[in-house]
Protein backbone atom coordinates (compact mmCIF):
# COMPACT_ATOMS: atom_id res chain seq x y z
CA THR A 1 149.03 154.50 120.12
CA ARG A 2 145.73 153.51 121.56
CA ARG A 3 143.97 153.33 118.18
CA CYS A 4 146.56 150.93 116.73
CA LEU A 5 146.29 148.78 119.84
CA CYS A 6 142.47 148.53 119.47
CA ILE A 7 142.72 147.63 115.78
CA SER A 8 145.36 145.00 116.55
CA ILE A 9 143.22 143.44 119.29
CA ILE A 10 140.15 143.30 117.00
CA ALA A 11 142.21 141.76 114.20
CA LEU A 12 143.66 139.14 116.58
CA LEU A 13 140.18 138.29 117.90
CA ALA A 14 138.86 137.89 114.34
CA LEU A 15 141.80 135.65 113.45
CA GLY A 16 141.20 133.66 116.63
CA VAL A 17 137.54 133.07 115.72
CA VAL A 18 138.47 131.99 112.18
CA GLY A 19 141.16 129.70 113.59
CA ALA A 20 138.69 128.18 116.07
CA VAL A 21 136.16 127.47 113.31
CA ILE A 22 138.83 125.84 111.13
CA GLY A 23 140.13 123.86 114.11
CA PHE A 24 136.61 122.66 114.94
CA ALA A 25 135.99 121.60 111.35
CA VAL A 26 139.29 119.73 111.18
CA THR A 27 138.85 118.08 114.58
CA PHE A 28 135.26 116.95 114.22
CA GLY A 29 135.12 116.81 110.45
CA LEU A 30 132.32 117.90 108.21
CA PRO A 31 129.64 115.28 107.65
CA PRO A 32 129.91 113.80 104.16
CA PRO A 33 126.89 114.35 101.96
CA THR A 34 124.52 111.40 102.07
CA PRO A 35 123.87 110.12 98.54
CA GLY A 36 120.34 110.92 97.58
CA GLN A 37 119.36 112.67 100.77
CA SER A 38 116.14 114.62 100.57
CA VAL A 39 116.53 118.36 100.59
CA ILE A 40 112.98 119.51 101.09
CA PHE A 41 113.60 123.14 100.18
CA PHE A 42 115.18 122.40 96.82
CA CYS A 43 114.10 118.90 95.90
CA ASN A 44 110.54 118.44 97.23
CA GLN A 45 109.67 115.89 99.86
CA THR A 46 109.84 113.02 97.39
CA GLY A 47 112.98 114.04 95.53
CA PHE A 48 116.38 112.43 95.27
CA LEU A 49 119.26 114.88 95.36
CA CYS A 50 122.30 113.75 93.38
CA ASP A 51 125.79 114.11 94.83
CA ASP A 52 126.37 117.20 92.70
CA ARG A 53 123.84 118.91 95.04
CA VAL A 54 122.15 120.44 91.98
CA THR A 55 120.35 117.64 90.14
CA CYS A 56 117.02 116.65 91.70
CA LEU A 57 115.25 113.51 90.47
CA SER A 58 111.67 112.55 91.21
CA ALA A 59 111.35 109.30 93.18
CA SER A 60 110.18 107.27 90.19
CA ARG A 61 113.41 108.11 88.35
CA ILE A 62 115.46 106.23 90.96
CA CYS A 63 116.48 102.64 90.14
CA ASN A 64 114.95 102.83 86.66
CA ARG A 65 118.17 101.52 85.02
CA ILE A 66 118.94 104.97 83.57
CA ARG A 67 121.87 106.80 85.16
CA GLU A 68 120.63 110.34 85.53
CA CYS A 69 122.99 111.58 88.26
CA VAL A 70 126.49 112.47 87.05
CA ASN A 71 128.09 109.83 89.29
CA GLY A 72 125.26 107.30 88.82
CA GLU A 73 124.26 107.28 92.48
CA ASP A 74 120.59 107.01 91.45
CA GLU A 75 121.37 103.48 90.20
CA GLN A 76 123.75 102.27 92.91
CA GLU A 77 123.49 98.57 93.63
CA LYS A 78 123.20 99.12 97.40
CA LEU A 79 120.18 101.32 96.72
CA CYS A 80 118.52 99.32 93.96
CA ASN A 81 119.26 95.65 94.63
CA ASP A 82 116.37 95.07 97.08
CA LEU A 83 113.45 97.33 96.18
CA PRO A 84 111.81 98.89 98.07
CA SER A 85 113.68 97.84 101.22
CA ASN A 86 116.88 99.74 100.44
CA LEU A 87 115.16 102.95 99.37
CA PRO A 88 114.78 105.77 101.89
CA GLY A 89 111.25 105.80 103.29
CA TYR A 90 110.38 109.18 101.81
CA LEU A 91 110.80 107.77 98.28
CA ILE A 92 108.10 105.08 98.62
CA PHE A 93 104.43 104.78 99.50
CA ARG A 94 102.98 101.52 100.80
CA CYS A 95 99.58 100.66 99.37
CA SER A 96 96.71 99.32 101.51
CA ASN A 97 97.83 95.85 100.57
CA PRO A 98 101.32 95.83 102.16
CA VAL A 99 102.66 93.58 99.39
CA TYR A 100 102.38 96.51 96.96
CA TRP A 101 104.25 99.80 96.93
CA ILE A 102 104.70 102.72 94.57
CA TYR A 103 107.19 105.56 94.31
CA ALA A 104 106.10 108.48 96.48
CA ASP A 105 105.73 110.88 93.56
CA LYS A 106 102.97 108.64 92.16
CA LYS A 107 100.79 109.21 95.24
CA CYS A 108 97.92 111.66 94.77
CA ASN A 109 98.43 111.93 91.01
CA GLY A 110 94.85 111.00 90.08
CA ALA A 111 95.79 107.56 88.74
CA ASN A 112 95.13 104.27 90.50
CA ASP A 113 98.75 103.18 90.83
CA CYS A 114 98.11 100.82 93.78
CA GLY A 115 95.20 99.03 92.11
CA ASP A 116 92.84 99.76 95.02
CA CYS A 117 92.99 103.59 94.93
CA SER A 118 94.69 103.67 98.34
CA ASP A 119 97.28 106.01 96.80
CA GLU A 120 94.53 108.51 96.00
CA LYS A 121 92.73 108.52 99.36
CA GLY A 122 93.48 109.93 102.78
CA THR A 123 95.88 112.85 102.80
CA CYS A 124 95.48 113.68 99.12
CA ASN A 125 94.20 117.13 98.42
CA CYS A 126 92.97 116.20 95.01
CA PRO A 127 92.08 119.12 92.82
CA PRO A 128 88.50 119.24 91.60
CA CYS A 129 87.84 117.54 88.30
CA GLY A 130 88.48 119.83 85.35
CA THR A 131 86.00 120.45 82.58
CA GLN A 132 87.25 117.43 80.64
CA TRP A 133 86.69 115.12 83.64
CA TRP A 134 83.68 113.62 85.45
CA SER A 135 83.71 113.18 89.24
CA CYS A 136 82.61 109.81 90.64
CA THR A 137 82.03 108.55 94.15
CA SER A 138 84.00 105.44 93.36
CA VAL A 139 85.78 104.54 90.18
CA PHE A 140 87.09 101.21 89.00
CA PHE A 141 90.09 100.40 86.84
CA GLU A 142 92.61 103.11 86.02
CA TYR A 143 91.11 106.23 87.64
CA CYS A 144 90.11 106.96 91.24
CA THR A 145 88.22 110.24 91.67
CA CYS A 146 87.67 111.52 88.13
CA ILE A 147 87.31 109.88 84.77
CA PRO A 148 87.86 111.49 81.38
CA ARG A 149 84.57 112.74 79.92
CA ALA A 150 85.42 110.76 76.80
CA LEU A 151 84.44 107.64 78.80
CA CYS A 152 80.96 108.99 79.56
CA GLY A 153 78.11 107.32 77.75
CA ASP A 154 80.29 104.58 76.26
CA ARG A 155 78.04 101.81 77.70
CA ILE A 156 80.82 100.66 80.04
CA GLN A 157 80.53 101.23 83.78
CA HIS A 158 83.43 103.31 85.12
CA CYS A 159 81.66 104.75 88.18
CA SER A 160 80.12 102.51 90.82
CA ASP A 161 76.86 104.48 90.68
CA TRP A 162 76.72 104.33 86.85
CA SER A 163 76.67 108.14 86.77
CA ASP A 164 79.17 108.04 83.91
CA GLU A 165 76.46 106.43 81.78
CA TYR A 166 73.33 108.21 82.99
CA ALA A 167 74.31 111.67 84.28
CA CYS A 168 77.53 112.56 82.51
CA ASN A 169 77.67 113.77 78.95
CA ARG A 170 80.68 114.21 76.74
């Protein structure tokens, strides 16, 4: 009958499409997962995705001598033996002084990880200082844009304009 013929043709076409997809996959192969590739949607822009495709490590947890991925790919010798050269570019940030670098997840964290605050300038959308912090135009030592209010009035200059000693109160 005509109805059986139509159903048979549709079923054969569906099988043909499935066969073509399988044939394509076998012929050209599926690309193997790249160890530690960044998956922006699940693992942030500075994350390291383990081979299990579930575990996401922040950049600073790579090559820290602690195996955190099931297969240990976060500590592979080919990745960790020449830091930062062997790390993917999205895992590192180069400081103003090109000799220095930090892990990308340390950029824009409010701390002076580079030593010259270059990791806290430029594209950082730093949140405003909270109530326990004092905003400075330029800060020396550990902090870049805010210092803890506990440092105000301690007779030590933390802000270049001395505002931490004369304008800020605990």
